[in-house]
Amino acid sequence: IAIIAASIQLTTGVGSASSALPTDAAGNTAKIIFINAKAGAYIRPGASGVTAAAASAIYISAGTSLLLNVTGMTHIAHIQDTASTVINVSPVEAG
């Protein structure tokens, strides 16, 4: 696997926010993403900009990474756990 295209950085807050998924090197919405966070946060991939994250979403703890298949999704929602943090989302490609 390879990360060729630019990653996006998301800053969490006390309310859920949604951002478009990053694009791959060909300009298409990423189908697989690599995510890491500086502090705990909740994330939820979704098929629209109204996707929301809450404490029932996928939890990513500080210093860990996730590899997610987001085929068919267009956005990722995020919300902080106990404090604001930065989440890095990278498009993954076969390489």
Protein backbone atom coordinates (compact mmCIF):
# COMPACT_ATOMS: atom_id res chain seq x y z
CA ILE A 1 0.00 0.00 0.00
CA ALA A 2 1.05 3.59 -0.50
CA ILE A 3 0.06 7.10 0.51
CA ILE A 4 0.69 9.26 -2.56
CA ALA A 5 -1.91 12.04 -2.39
CA ALA A 6 -2.18 14.70 0.29
CA SER A 7 -3.69 13.95 3.68
CA ILE A 8 -6.26 16.15 5.39
CA GLN A 9 -6.13 17.33 8.98
CA LEU A 10 -9.34 17.68 10.98
CA THR A 11 -9.59 19.54 14.28
CA THR A 12 -12.21 18.11 16.61
CA GLY A 13 -14.46 20.11 18.90
CA VAL A 14 -17.31 19.61 21.36
CA GLY A 15 -19.82 19.40 18.50
CA SER A 16 -19.80 16.95 15.63
CA ALA A 17 -18.39 18.25 12.35
CA SER A 18 -18.17 16.60 8.94
CA SER A 19 -15.54 16.91 6.22
CA ALA A 20 -15.18 15.47 2.74
CA LEU A 21 -12.89 12.44 2.53
CA PRO A 22 -9.50 13.06 0.91
CA THR A 23 -8.97 12.24 -2.75
CA ASP A 24 -6.46 9.78 -4.14
CA ALA A 25 -3.73 10.62 -6.68
CA ALA A 26 -6.26 10.29 -9.54
CA GLY A 27 -8.61 12.81 -7.92
CA ASN A 28 -11.22 10.24 -6.84
CA THR A 29 -12.65 10.01 -3.33
CA ALA A 30 -10.47 7.61 -1.35
CA LYS A 31 -11.79 4.08 -0.89
CA ILE A 32 -9.37 3.22 1.93
CA ILE A 33 -8.12 5.70 4.52
CA PHE A 34 -5.42 5.63 7.18
CA ILE A 35 -6.35 7.63 10.29
CA ASN A 36 -4.41 8.66 13.39
CA ALA A 37 -5.08 11.15 16.17
CA LYS A 38 -3.05 13.06 18.76
CA ALA A 39 -5.74 12.50 21.43
CA GLY A 40 -8.94 10.47 21.73
CA ALA A 41 -11.73 11.19 19.26
CA TYR A 42 -14.80 9.59 17.67
CA ILE A 43 -15.18 9.26 13.90
CA ARG A 44 -17.94 8.06 11.58
CA PRO A 45 -17.63 7.71 7.80
CA GLY A 46 -20.82 8.47 5.90
CA ALA A 47 -22.37 9.01 2.50
CA SER A 48 -23.28 12.68 2.96
CA GLY A 49 -22.20 15.90 4.61
CA VAL A 50 -24.84 15.47 7.31
CA THR A 51 -23.02 12.45 8.77
CA ALA A 52 -22.57 12.98 12.52
CA ALA A 53 -20.24 11.49 15.11
CA ALA A 54 -21.10 10.82 18.75
CA ALA A 55 -19.82 8.64 21.59
CA SER A 56 -21.38 5.65 19.79
CA ALA A 57 -19.11 6.15 16.74
CA ILE A 58 -15.70 4.56 16.06
CA TYR A 59 -13.26 5.53 18.81
CA ILE A 60 -9.63 6.25 18.01
CA SER A 61 -7.35 6.60 21.01
CA ALA A 62 -4.29 8.84 21.25
CA GLY A 63 -1.34 7.62 19.23
CA THR A 64 -3.17 4.75 17.53
CA SER A 65 -3.98 4.29 13.86
CA LEU A 66 -6.89 2.82 11.92
CA LEU A 67 -7.13 1.56 8.36
CA LEU A 68 -10.73 1.82 7.13
CA ASN A 69 -12.48 0.75 3.95
CA VAL A 70 -14.76 3.69 3.13
CA THR A 71 -15.93 2.56 -0.32
CA GLY A 72 -19.15 4.37 -1.18
CA MET A 73 -18.64 6.99 1.52
CA THR A 74 -17.98 10.68 0.82
CA HIS A 75 -17.51 12.28 4.25
CA ILE A 76 -16.10 11.63 7.70
CA ALA A 77 -17.61 13.09 10.85
CA HIS A 78 -15.52 13.73 13.95
CA ILE A 79 -15.95 14.87 17.54
CA GLN A 80 -13.54 15.15 20.44
CA ASP A 81 -13.45 12.75 23.39
CA THR A 82 -12.33 14.92 26.33
CA ALA A 83 -10.30 17.63 24.58
CA SER A 84 -9.83 19.06 21.11
CA THR A 85 -7.37 17.17 18.93
CA VAL A 86 -6.12 16.87 15.37
CA ILE A 87 -7.01 13.82 13.28
CA ASN A 88 -4.91 13.05 10.21
CA VAL A 89 -6.76 11.27 7.36
CA SER A 90 -4.67 9.87 4.50
CA PRO A 91 -5.90 8.25 1.27
CA VAL A 92 -4.38 4.80 0.79
CA GLU A 93 -3.63 3.35 -2.64
CA ALA A 94 -2.20 0.12 -3.98
CA GLY A 95 1.42 0.69 -4.74
